């Protein structure tokens, strides 16, 4: 048996941990922003406020892209 980890398994673990970190930071970003604004994000989304929905989509895409780049560059 080899003393190194199989590269396929290692890449799978990187992807899994990267996905979990991305979800965590998206959650954290929404929680922090929810404390900074004068409205509740969940209530506004329940009312059908499209501006809040588009903003939230932008936050999720931005955090996901940023973390994806950081994780991807770390694999080199």
C-alpha atoms as a PDB file:
ATOM      1  CA  UNK A   1       0.000   0.000   0.000  1.00  0.00           C
ATOM      2  CA  UNK A   2       1.221   3.442  -0.894  1.00  0.00           C
ATOM      3  CA  UNK A   3       1.965   6.043   1.760  1.00  0.00           C
ATOM      4  CA  UNK A   4       0.466   8.833  -0.374  1.00  0.00           C
ATOM      5  CA  UNK A   5      -3.201   9.582  -0.899  1.00  0.00           C
ATOM      6  CA  UNK A   6      -4.636   8.716  -4.302  1.00  0.00           C
ATOM      7  CA  UNK A   7      -4.955  11.954  -6.356  1.00  0.00           C
ATOM      8  CA  UNK A   8      -8.578  11.179  -7.287  1.00  0.00           C
ATOM      9  CA  UNK A   9      -9.524  10.796  -3.613  1.00  0.00           C
ATOM     10  CA  UNK A  10      -7.574  13.934  -2.722  1.00  0.00           C
ATOM     11  CA  UNK A  11      -9.360  15.986  -5.408  1.00  0.00           C
ATOM     12  CA  UNK A  12     -12.713  14.667  -4.192  1.00  0.00           C
ATOM     13  CA  UNK A  13     -11.854  15.723  -0.631  1.00  0.00           C
ATOM     14  CA  UNK A  14     -10.769  19.176  -1.869  1.00  0.00           C
ATOM     15  CA  UNK A  15     -14.070  19.571  -3.736  1.00  0.00           C
ATOM     16  CA  UNK A  16     -16.086  18.419  -0.733  1.00  0.00           C
ATOM     17  CA  UNK A  17     -14.319  20.733   1.695  1.00  0.00           C
ATOM     18  CA  UNK A  18     -14.495  23.597  -0.805  1.00  0.00           C
ATOM     19  CA  UNK A  19     -18.247  23.125  -1.180  1.00  0.00           C
ATOM     20  CA  UNK A  20     -18.762  23.068   2.572  1.00  0.00           C
ATOM     21  CA  UNK A  21     -16.617  26.168   3.050  1.00  0.00           C
ATOM     22  CA  UNK A  22     -18.529  27.971   0.303  1.00  0.00           C
ATOM     23  CA  UNK A  23     -21.890  27.171   1.886  1.00  0.00           C
ATOM     24  CA  UNK A  24     -20.632  28.263   5.295  1.00  0.00           C
ATOM     25  CA  UNK A  25     -19.307  31.592   4.038  1.00  0.00           C
ATOM     26  CA  UNK A  26     -22.504  32.264   2.077  1.00  0.00           C
ATOM     27  CA  UNK A  27     -24.515  31.661   5.244  1.00  0.00           C
ATOM     28  CA  UNK A  28     -22.140  33.836   7.267  1.00  0.00           C
ATOM     29  CA  UNK A  29     -22.262  36.658   4.712  1.00  0.00           C
ATOM     30  CA  UNK A  30     -26.064  36.719   4.789  1.00  0.00           C
ATOM     31  CA  UNK A  31     -26.147  36.674   8.580  1.00  0.00           C
ATOM     32  CA  UNK A  32     -23.686  39.563   8.844  1.00  0.00           C
ATOM     33  CA  UNK A  33     -25.459  41.625   6.196  1.00  0.00           C
ATOM     34  CA  UNK A  34     -28.822  40.926   7.837  1.00  0.00           C
ATOM     35  CA  UNK A  35     -27.509  42.639  10.980  1.00  0.00           C
ATOM     36  CA  UNK A  36     -26.220  45.647   9.011  1.00  0.00           C
ATOM     37  CA  UNK A  37     -29.436  46.584   7.190  1.00  0.00           C
ATOM     38  CA  UNK A  38     -32.701  47.939   8.594  1.00  0.00           C
ATOM     39  CA  UNK A  39     -34.847  45.165   7.087  1.00  0.00           C
ATOM     40  CA  UNK A  40     -34.991  41.395   7.502  1.00  0.00           C
ATOM     41  CA  UNK A  41     -33.857  39.508   4.406  1.00  0.00           C
ATOM     42  CA  UNK A  42     -36.120  36.526   5.090  1.00  0.00           C
ATOM     43  CA  UNK A  43     -39.208  38.686   5.560  1.00  0.00           C
ATOM     44  CA  UNK A  44     -38.541  40.644   2.377  1.00  0.00           C
ATOM     45  CA  UNK A  45     -38.046  37.450   0.377  1.00  0.00           C
ATOM     46  CA  UNK A  46     -41.310  36.067   1.788  1.00  0.00           C
ATOM     47  CA  UNK A  47     -43.082  39.251   0.635  1.00  0.00           C
ATOM     48  CA  UNK A  48     -41.716  38.692  -2.878  1.00  0.00           C
ATOM     49  CA  UNK A  49     -39.235  41.577  -2.923  1.00  0.00           C
ATOM     50  CA  UNK A  50     -37.323  40.942  -6.140  1.00  0.00           C
ATOM     51  CA  UNK A  51     -34.617  43.500  -5.379  1.00  0.00           C
ATOM     52  CA  UNK A  52     -33.595  41.612  -2.240  1.00  0.00           C
ATOM     53  CA  UNK A  53     -33.714  38.341  -4.179  1.00  0.00           C
ATOM     54  CA  UNK A  54     -31.437  39.717  -6.899  1.00  0.00           C
ATOM     55  CA  UNK A  55     -29.072  41.144  -4.300  1.00  0.00           C
ATOM     56  CA  UNK A  56     -28.935  37.799  -2.509  1.00  0.00           C
ATOM     57  CA  UNK A  57     -28.264  36.031  -5.807  1.00  0.00           C
ATOM     58  CA  UNK A  58     -25.362  38.414  -6.439  1.00  0.00           C
ATOM     59  CA  UNK A  59     -23.932  37.785  -2.990  1.00  0.00           C
ATOM     60  CA  UNK A  60     -24.113  34.017  -3.453  1.00  0.00           C
ATOM     61  CA  UNK A  61     -22.499  34.157  -6.898  1.00  0.00           C
ATOM     62  CA  UNK A  62     -19.795  36.546  -5.692  1.00  0.00           C
ATOM     63  CA  UNK A  63     -18.840  34.556  -2.614  1.00  0.00           C
ATOM     64  CA  UNK A  64     -18.985  31.284  -4.539  1.00  0.00           C
ATOM     65  CA  UNK A  65     -16.797  32.627  -7.337  1.00  0.00           C
ATOM     66  CA  UNK A  66     -14.292  34.133  -4.931  1.00  0.00           C
ATOM     67  CA  UNK A  67     -13.934  31.005  -2.840  1.00  0.00           C
ATOM     68  CA  UNK A  68     -13.873  28.831  -5.952  1.00  0.00           C
ATOM     69  CA  UNK A  69     -10.934  30.828  -7.307  1.00  0.00           C
ATOM     70  CA  UNK A  70      -9.073  30.659  -4.008  1.00  0.00           C
ATOM     71  CA  UNK A  71      -9.601  26.915  -3.695  1.00  0.00           C
ATOM     72  CA  UNK A  72      -8.759  26.331  -7.354  1.00  0.00           C
ATOM     73  CA  UNK A  73      -5.523  28.291  -7.113  1.00  0.00           C
ATOM     74  CA  UNK A  74      -4.609  26.357  -3.981  1.00  0.00           C
ATOM     75  CA  UNK A  75      -4.605  23.109  -5.944  1.00  0.00           C
ATOM     76  CA  UNK A  76      -1.566  24.144  -8.027  1.00  0.00           C
END
